């Protein structure tokens, strides 16, 4: 009986092995037509540039844009997006740090305070998930 039980455990252990990669579909809404790129990044552990290692960009066409990320390790993630209207490759800010270009985050991030990872985060499990991000412009155009 022991010979049957041990191989059974090996099979169960193989089936319960490490989590596989998942896919994540991100729909970014509210982009404005014009020059520049629409950037989307996946962040883990924080919302700083260093904590957002996975990213993509497409030319800004206005409206909604769909991004599909594959082979993303399951875990707790957040999505940050912005529209780079002047083509400098970064989110422009005022001297006080307020964004000057359209930006958005996943989750329940409010527009009245600096976003934090816990408000923007969600758990990604295999096979995957879909997230919507709505871009907003906090300040009028310069």
N, C-alpha and C. Protein backbone atom coordinates (compact mmCIF):
# COMPACT_ATOMS: atom_id res chain seq x y z
N UNK A 1 0.82 -1.19 0.00
CA UNK A 1 0.00 0.00 0.00
C UNK A 1 0.87 1.26 0.00
N UNK A 2 1.99 1.21 0.66
CA UNK A 2 2.87 2.36 0.71
C UNK A 2 3.40 2.71 -0.68
N UNK A 3 3.66 1.75 -1.50
CA UNK A 3 4.18 1.99 -2.85
C UNK A 3 3.17 2.75 -3.70
N UNK A 4 1.89 2.57 -3.49
CA UNK A 4 0.86 3.29 -4.24
C UNK A 4 0.71 4.71 -3.70
N UNK A 5 0.83 4.86 -2.39
CA UNK A 5 0.62 6.16 -1.77
C UNK A 5 1.72 7.16 -2.13
N UNK A 6 2.98 6.77 -2.11
CA UNK A 6 4.10 7.67 -2.39
C UNK A 6 4.05 8.20 -3.82
N UNK A 7 3.87 7.35 -4.87
CA UNK A 7 3.76 7.92 -6.21
C UNK A 7 2.57 8.87 -6.34
N UNK A 8 1.49 8.61 -5.62
CA UNK A 8 0.33 9.50 -5.65
C UNK A 8 0.68 10.89 -5.11
N UNK A 9 1.51 10.94 -4.08
CA UNK A 9 1.95 12.23 -3.54
C UNK A 9 2.84 12.97 -4.53
N UNK A 10 3.67 12.23 -5.24
CA UNK A 10 4.53 12.87 -6.23
C UNK A 10 3.70 13.51 -7.33
N UNK A 11 2.65 12.82 -7.78
CA UNK A 11 1.76 13.37 -8.81
C UNK A 11 1.05 14.61 -8.28
N UNK A 12 0.54 14.56 -7.06
CA UNK A 12 -0.15 15.73 -6.47
C UNK A 12 0.81 16.90 -6.32
N UNK A 13 2.03 16.64 -5.90
CA UNK A 13 3.01 17.71 -5.75
C UNK A 13 3.33 18.35 -7.09
N UNK A 14 3.42 17.55 -8.13
CA UNK A 14 3.69 18.09 -9.47
C UNK A 14 2.54 18.95 -9.96
N UNK A 15 1.32 18.52 -9.67
CA UNK A 15 0.15 19.30 -10.09
C UNK A 15 0.03 20.61 -9.32
N UNK A 16 0.46 20.63 -8.07
CA UNK A 16 0.35 21.82 -7.24
C UNK A 16 1.60 22.67 -7.32
N UNK A 17 2.50 22.39 -8.24
CA UNK A 17 3.78 23.08 -8.39
C UNK A 17 3.65 24.58 -8.40
N UNK A 18 4.70 25.25 -8.79
CA UNK A 18 4.69 26.71 -8.76
C UNK A 18 3.62 27.30 -9.68
N UNK A 19 3.14 28.46 -9.29
CA UNK A 19 2.10 29.12 -10.10
C UNK A 19 2.67 29.48 -11.47
N UNK A 20 1.87 29.32 -12.47
CA UNK A 20 2.28 29.65 -13.82
C UNK A 20 2.00 31.12 -14.09
N UNK A 21 2.54 31.58 -15.18
CA UNK A 21 2.34 32.98 -15.57
C UNK A 21 0.90 33.20 -15.98
N UNK A 22 0.43 34.40 -15.78
CA UNK A 22 -0.93 34.78 -16.11
C UNK A 22 -0.89 35.84 -17.20
N UNK A 23 -2.06 36.13 -17.75
CA UNK A 23 -2.17 37.23 -18.70
C UNK A 23 -2.99 38.34 -18.05
N UNK A 24 -2.75 39.55 -18.49
CA UNK A 24 -3.48 40.69 -17.97
C UNK A 24 -3.86 41.59 -19.13
N UNK A 25 -5.15 41.84 -19.25
CA UNK A 25 -5.66 42.77 -20.26
C UNK A 25 -5.94 44.09 -19.56
N UNK A 26 -5.38 45.16 -20.09
CA UNK A 26 -5.58 46.49 -19.52
C UNK A 26 -6.26 47.35 -20.58
N UNK A 27 -7.42 47.90 -20.24
CA UNK A 27 -8.12 48.84 -21.11
C UNK A 27 -7.93 50.23 -20.52
N UNK A 28 -7.31 51.10 -21.28
CA UNK A 28 -7.09 52.48 -20.84
C UNK A 28 -8.09 53.35 -21.57
N UNK A 29 -8.94 54.04 -20.82
CA UNK A 29 -9.97 54.91 -21.38
C UNK A 29 -9.62 56.37 -21.12
N UNK A 30 -10.10 57.23 -22.00
CA UNK A 30 -9.96 58.66 -21.79
C UNK A 30 -8.73 59.29 -22.40
N UNK A 31 -8.03 58.57 -23.25
CA UNK A 31 -6.87 59.17 -23.92
C UNK A 31 -7.35 60.24 -24.89
N UNK A 32 -6.57 61.28 -25.02
CA UNK A 32 -6.92 62.38 -25.91
C UNK A 32 -6.15 62.24 -27.22
N UNK A 33 -6.79 62.50 -28.35
CA UNK A 33 -6.05 62.41 -29.62
C UNK A 33 -4.98 63.49 -29.68
N UNK A 34 -3.85 63.14 -30.26
CA UNK A 34 -2.79 64.13 -30.38
C UNK A 34 -1.43 63.47 -30.40
N UNK A 35 -0.41 64.28 -30.33
CA UNK A 35 0.95 63.74 -30.40
C UNK A 35 1.31 63.00 -29.11
N UNK A 36 2.39 62.25 -29.18
CA UNK A 36 2.88 61.56 -28.00
C UNK A 36 2.39 60.13 -27.91
N UNK A 37 2.77 59.48 -26.82
CA UNK A 37 2.48 58.07 -26.59
C UNK A 37 1.58 57.89 -25.38
N UNK A 38 0.89 56.76 -25.36
CA UNK A 38 0.11 56.32 -24.21
C UNK A 38 0.92 55.21 -23.56
N UNK A 39 1.33 55.41 -22.31
CA UNK A 39 2.17 54.45 -21.58
C UNK A 39 1.35 53.72 -20.54
N UNK A 40 1.61 52.41 -20.41
CA UNK A 40 0.99 51.59 -19.38
C UNK A 40 2.09 50.75 -18.74
N UNK A 41 2.13 50.74 -17.40
CA UNK A 41 3.12 49.94 -16.69
C UNK A 41 2.44 49.08 -15.64
N UNK A 42 3.05 47.92 -15.38
CA UNK A 42 2.60 47.04 -14.31
C UNK A 42 3.57 47.21 -13.15
N UNK A 43 3.01 47.46 -11.98
CA UNK A 43 3.82 47.78 -10.80
C UNK A 43 3.62 46.72 -9.73
N UNK A 44 4.71 46.44 -9.01
CA UNK A 44 4.64 45.47 -7.93
C UNK A 44 5.38 46.00 -6.72
N UNK A 45 4.64 46.17 -5.61
CA UNK A 45 5.25 46.64 -4.37
C UNK A 45 5.26 48.14 -4.18
N UNK A 46 4.95 48.91 -5.21
CA UNK A 46 4.93 50.36 -5.12
C UNK A 46 4.56 50.97 -6.45
N UNK A 47 4.46 52.28 -6.50
CA UNK A 47 4.11 52.97 -7.73
C UNK A 47 5.25 53.81 -8.30
N UNK A 48 6.44 53.66 -7.73
CA UNK A 48 7.58 54.40 -8.26
C UNK A 48 8.01 53.79 -9.59
N UNK A 49 8.81 54.53 -10.32
CA UNK A 49 9.29 54.03 -11.61
C UNK A 49 10.05 52.71 -11.45
N UNK A 50 10.83 52.59 -10.38
CA UNK A 50 11.61 51.37 -10.14
C UNK A 50 10.71 50.16 -9.83
N UNK A 51 9.52 50.40 -9.29
CA UNK A 51 8.61 49.32 -8.93
C UNK A 51 7.70 48.91 -10.09
N UNK A 52 7.86 49.54 -11.24
CA UNK A 52 7.00 49.28 -12.40
C UNK A 52 7.85 48.77 -13.57
N UNK A 53 8.31 47.51 -13.50
CA UNK A 53 9.27 47.01 -14.48
C UNK A 53 8.70 46.59 -15.82
N UNK A 54 7.41 46.36 -15.90
CA UNK A 54 6.81 45.87 -17.14
C UNK A 54 5.98 46.99 -17.74
N UNK A 55 6.27 47.37 -18.98
CA UNK A 55 5.53 48.46 -19.59
C UNK A 55 5.46 48.36 -21.10
N UNK A 56 4.50 49.09 -21.63
CA UNK A 56 4.31 49.18 -23.08
C UNK A 56 3.80 50.58 -23.41
N UNK A 57 3.95 50.94 -24.68
CA UNK A 57 3.39 52.21 -25.14
C UNK A 57 2.91 52.05 -26.57
N UNK A 58 1.94 52.90 -26.91
CA UNK A 58 1.41 52.97 -28.28
C UNK A 58 1.19 54.44 -28.59
N UNK A 59 1.14 54.80 -29.86
CA UNK A 59 0.82 56.18 -30.20
C UNK A 59 -0.57 56.57 -29.67
N UNK A 60 -0.68 57.78 -29.16
CA UNK A 60 -1.96 58.26 -28.62
C UNK A 60 -2.92 58.53 -29.78
N UNK A 61 -4.03 57.82 -29.80
CA UNK A 61 -5.03 58.00 -30.86
C UNK A 61 -6.34 58.57 -30.32
N UNK A 62 -6.46 58.61 -29.02
CA UNK A 62 -7.70 59.09 -28.41
C UNK A 62 -8.64 57.93 -28.14
N UNK A 63 -9.54 58.12 -27.18
CA UNK A 63 -10.50 57.07 -26.85
C UNK A 63 -9.89 56.01 -25.95
N UNK A 64 -10.25 54.75 -26.23
CA UNK A 64 -9.78 53.62 -25.41
C UNK A 64 -8.72 52.83 -26.17
N UNK A 65 -7.81 52.28 -25.42
CA UNK A 65 -6.74 51.47 -26.00
C UNK A 65 -6.60 50.19 -25.18
N UNK A 66 -6.39 49.07 -25.86
CA UNK A 66 -6.27 47.76 -25.19
C UNK A 66 -4.81 47.31 -25.21
N UNK A 67 -4.33 46.89 -24.05
CA UNK A 67 -2.99 46.34 -23.89
C UNK A 67 -3.14 44.93 -23.32
N UNK A 68 -2.40 43.98 -23.85
CA UNK A 68 -2.40 42.62 -23.32
C UNK A 68 -0.98 42.26 -22.92
N UNK A 69 -0.82 41.93 -21.65
CA UNK A 69 0.46 41.50 -21.12
C UNK A 69 0.37 39.99 -20.87
N UNK A 70 1.32 39.24 -21.37
CA UNK A 70 1.33 37.79 -21.17
C UNK A 70 2.54 37.42 -20.31
N UNK A 71 2.49 36.23 -19.77
CA UNK A 71 3.57 35.71 -18.94
C UNK A 71 3.89 36.60 -17.74
N UNK A 72 2.85 37.15 -17.13
CA UNK A 72 3.02 37.97 -15.93
C UNK A 72 2.95 37.03 -14.72
N UNK A 73 3.93 37.07 -13.83
CA UNK A 73 3.87 36.20 -12.66
C UNK A 73 2.65 36.54 -11.79
N UNK A 74 1.90 35.55 -11.35
CA UNK A 74 0.78 35.83 -10.44
C UNK A 74 1.29 36.55 -9.19
N UNK A 75 0.45 37.38 -8.63
CA UNK A 75 0.82 38.12 -7.43
C UNK A 75 0.00 39.39 -7.31
N UNK A 76 0.44 40.27 -6.45
CA UNK A 76 -0.25 41.54 -6.24
C UNK A 76 0.40 42.59 -7.14
N UNK A 77 -0.41 43.19 -8.00
CA UNK A 77 0.05 44.16 -9.00
C UNK A 77 -0.82 45.40 -8.96
N UNK A 78 -0.35 46.46 -9.57
CA UNK A 78 -1.13 47.68 -9.82
C UNK A 78 -0.77 48.13 -11.23
N UNK A 79 -1.67 48.90 -11.84
CA UNK A 79 -1.43 49.44 -13.18
C UNK A 79 -1.37 50.96 -13.08
N UNK A 80 -0.36 51.54 -13.71
CA UNK A 80 -0.24 52.99 -13.82
C UNK A 80 -0.18 53.33 -15.30
N UNK A 81 -0.89 54.38 -15.69
CA UNK A 81 -0.91 54.78 -17.10
C UNK A 81 -0.85 56.30 -17.20
N UNK A 82 -0.27 56.78 -18.29
CA UNK A 82 -0.30 58.21 -18.56
C UNK A 82 -0.14 58.45 -20.05
N UNK A 83 -0.59 59.62 -20.47
CA UNK A 83 -0.45 60.03 -21.86
C UNK A 83 0.64 61.09 -21.93
N UNK A 84 1.70 60.77 -22.64
CA UNK A 84 2.85 61.66 -22.79
C UNK A 84 2.57 62.60 -23.96
N UNK A 85 1.95 63.72 -23.69
CA UNK A 85 1.51 64.62 -24.76
C UNK A 85 2.65 65.34 -25.48
N UNK A 86 3.77 65.55 -24.81
CA UNK A 86 4.85 66.29 -25.46
C UNK A 86 5.99 65.39 -25.92
N UNK A 87 5.85 64.09 -25.79
CA UNK A 87 6.82 63.16 -26.32
C UNK A 87 8.15 63.09 -25.61
N UNK A 88 8.21 63.50 -24.35
CA UNK A 88 9.49 63.47 -23.64
C UNK A 88 9.71 62.17 -22.86
N UNK A 89 8.76 61.22 -22.94
CA UNK A 89 8.92 59.92 -22.31
C UNK A 89 8.67 59.88 -20.83
N UNK A 90 8.08 60.93 -20.27
CA UNK A 90 7.81 60.95 -18.83
C UNK A 90 6.53 61.73 -18.53
N UNK A 91 6.00 61.51 -17.36
CA UNK A 91 4.82 62.24 -16.90
C UNK A 91 5.27 63.58 -16.35
N UNK A 92 4.88 64.66 -17.02
CA UNK A 92 5.26 66.01 -16.58
C UNK A 92 4.45 66.39 -15.34
N UNK A 93 5.11 67.10 -14.43
CA UNK A 93 4.48 67.51 -13.17
C UNK A 93 4.78 68.97 -12.87
N UNK A 94 3.97 69.54 -12.00
CA UNK A 94 4.22 70.89 -11.51
C UNK A 94 5.35 70.83 -10.49
N UNK A 95 5.77 71.99 -10.01
CA UNK A 95 6.78 72.04 -8.96
C UNK A 95 6.35 71.35 -7.68
N UNK A 96 5.03 71.24 -7.48
CA UNK A 96 4.49 70.56 -6.30
C UNK A 96 4.29 69.06 -6.53
N UNK A 97 4.59 68.59 -7.75
CA UNK A 97 4.45 67.17 -8.05
C UNK A 97 3.12 66.75 -8.63
N UNK A 98 2.24 67.71 -8.92
CA UNK A 98 0.94 67.38 -9.50
C UNK A 98 1.09 67.10 -11.00
N UNK A 99 0.46 66.04 -11.49
CA UNK A 99 0.59 65.72 -12.92
C UNK A 99 -0.01 66.80 -13.82
N UNK A 100 0.68 67.05 -14.93
CA UNK A 100 0.20 68.00 -15.93
C UNK A 100 -0.38 67.30 -17.15
N UNK A 101 -0.15 66.00 -17.27
CA UNK A 101 -0.65 65.22 -18.40
C UNK A 101 -1.65 64.20 -17.88
N UNK A 102 -2.55 63.71 -18.75
CA UNK A 102 -3.55 62.73 -18.31
C UNK A 102 -2.87 61.50 -17.70
N UNK A 103 -3.41 61.02 -16.58
CA UNK A 103 -2.86 59.87 -15.88
C UNK A 103 -3.98 59.08 -15.22
N UNK A 104 -3.67 57.84 -14.85
CA UNK A 104 -4.66 57.02 -14.16
C UNK A 104 -4.00 55.79 -13.54
N UNK A 105 -4.76 55.15 -12.62
CA UNK A 105 -4.29 53.96 -11.92
C UNK A 105 -5.42 52.96 -11.83
N UNK A 106 -5.07 51.71 -11.62
CA UNK A 106 -6.06 50.68 -11.35
C UNK A 106 -6.58 50.86 -9.94
N UNK A 107 -7.65 50.14 -9.63
CA UNK A 107 -8.16 50.11 -8.26
C UNK A 107 -8.93 51.35 -7.87
N UNK A 108 -9.03 51.54 -6.55
CA UNK A 108 -9.83 52.61 -5.97
C UNK A 108 -8.98 53.82 -5.62
N UNK A 109 -8.16 54.25 -6.54
CA UNK A 109 -7.29 55.40 -6.29
C UNK A 109 -8.11 56.67 -6.44
N UNK A 110 -8.10 57.49 -5.40
CA UNK A 110 -8.83 58.76 -5.45
C UNK A 110 -8.02 59.83 -6.15
N UNK A 111 -8.68 60.87 -6.57
CA UNK A 111 -8.00 61.97 -7.27
C UNK A 111 -7.61 63.10 -6.34
N UNK A 112 -7.94 63.01 -5.06
CA UNK A 112 -7.66 64.12 -4.14
C UNK A 112 -6.37 63.94 -3.34
N UNK A 113 -5.77 62.78 -3.42
CA UNK A 113 -4.55 62.55 -2.65
C UNK A 113 -3.56 61.77 -3.50
N UNK A 114 -2.32 61.78 -3.07
CA UNK A 114 -1.29 61.02 -3.77
C UNK A 114 -1.69 59.53 -3.74
N UNK A 115 -1.63 58.85 -4.88
CA UNK A 115 -2.04 57.44 -4.89
C UNK A 115 -1.06 56.58 -4.11
N UNK A 116 -1.57 55.51 -3.54
CA UNK A 116 -0.69 54.55 -2.89
C UNK A 116 -0.94 53.16 -3.49
N UNK A 117 0.05 52.32 -3.36
CA UNK A 117 0.01 51.00 -3.97
C UNK A 117 -1.18 50.18 -3.47
N UNK A 118 -1.46 50.24 -2.18
CA UNK A 118 -2.54 49.41 -1.64
C UNK A 118 -3.90 49.77 -2.24
N UNK A 119 -4.11 51.04 -2.57
CA UNK A 119 -5.39 51.45 -3.18
C UNK A 119 -5.48 51.05 -4.65
N UNK A 120 -4.35 50.97 -5.31
CA UNK A 120 -4.32 50.66 -6.74
C UNK A 120 -4.14 49.17 -7.03
N UNK A 121 -3.80 48.39 -6.03
CA UNK A 121 -3.40 47.01 -6.27
C UNK A 121 -4.57 46.04 -6.40
N UNK A 122 -4.28 44.92 -7.03
CA UNK A 122 -5.22 43.81 -7.21
C UNK A 122 -4.41 42.54 -7.28
N UNK A 123 -5.06 41.42 -7.01
CA UNK A 123 -4.37 40.13 -7.08
C UNK A 123 -4.56 39.53 -8.45
N UNK A 124 -3.46 39.22 -9.10
CA UNK A 124 -3.49 38.58 -10.40
C UNK A 124 -3.24 37.09 -10.20
N UNK A 125 -4.19 36.29 -10.65
CA UNK A 125 -4.07 34.84 -10.58
C UNK A 125 -4.17 34.28 -11.97
N UNK A 126 -3.64 33.07 -12.15
CA UNK A 126 -3.77 32.46 -13.47
C UNK A 126 -5.21 32.03 -13.66
N UNK A 127 -5.79 32.04 -14.81
CA UNK A 127 -5.15 32.30 -16.08
C UNK A 127 -4.97 33.78 -16.38
N UNK A 128 -5.68 34.67 -15.68
CA UNK A 128 -5.48 36.08 -15.93
C UNK A 128 -6.66 36.92 -15.48
N UNK A 129 -6.60 38.20 -15.86
CA UNK A 129 -7.62 39.15 -15.44
C UNK A 129 -7.69 40.30 -16.44
N UNK A 130 -8.70 41.13 -16.25
CA UNK A 130 -8.87 42.35 -17.05
C UNK A 130 -9.05 43.51 -16.09
N UNK A 131 -8.43 44.64 -16.42
CA UNK A 131 -8.46 45.83 -15.58
C UNK A 131 -8.75 47.04 -16.46
N UNK A 132 -9.57 47.96 -15.95
CA UNK A 132 -9.83 49.22 -16.66
C UNK A 132 -9.17 50.37 -15.89
N UNK A 133 -8.56 51.27 -16.66
CA UNK A 133 -7.94 52.46 -16.08
C UNK A 133 -8.51 53.65 -16.83
N UNK A 134 -9.01 54.63 -16.10
CA UNK A 134 -9.56 55.84 -16.70
C UNK A 134 -8.58 56.98 -16.48
N UNK A 135 -8.12 57.58 -17.58
CA UNK A 135 -7.21 58.71 -17.47
C UNK A 135 -7.97 59.97 -17.06
N UNK A 136 -7.33 60.78 -16.26
CA UNK A 136 -7.92 62.05 -15.83
C UNK A 136 -6.86 63.13 -15.93
N UNK A 137 -7.31 64.36 -16.09
CA UNK A 137 -6.41 65.51 -16.12
C UNK A 137 -6.78 66.37 -14.90
N UNK A 138 -5.89 66.41 -13.91
CA UNK A 138 -6.22 67.15 -12.69
C UNK A 138 -6.14 68.65 -12.84
N UNK A 139 -5.32 69.11 -13.77
CA UNK A 139 -5.13 70.56 -13.95
C UNK A 139 -5.50 70.95 -15.38
N UNK A 140 -5.95 72.16 -15.58
CA UNK A 140 -6.25 72.59 -16.94
C UNK A 140 -4.99 72.63 -17.80
N UNK A 141 -5.18 72.55 -19.10
CA UNK A 141 -4.04 72.63 -20.04
C UNK A 141 -3.29 73.93 -19.83
N UNK A 142 -1.99 73.85 -20.03
CA UNK A 142 -1.15 75.05 -19.91
C UNK A 142 -1.22 75.84 -21.19
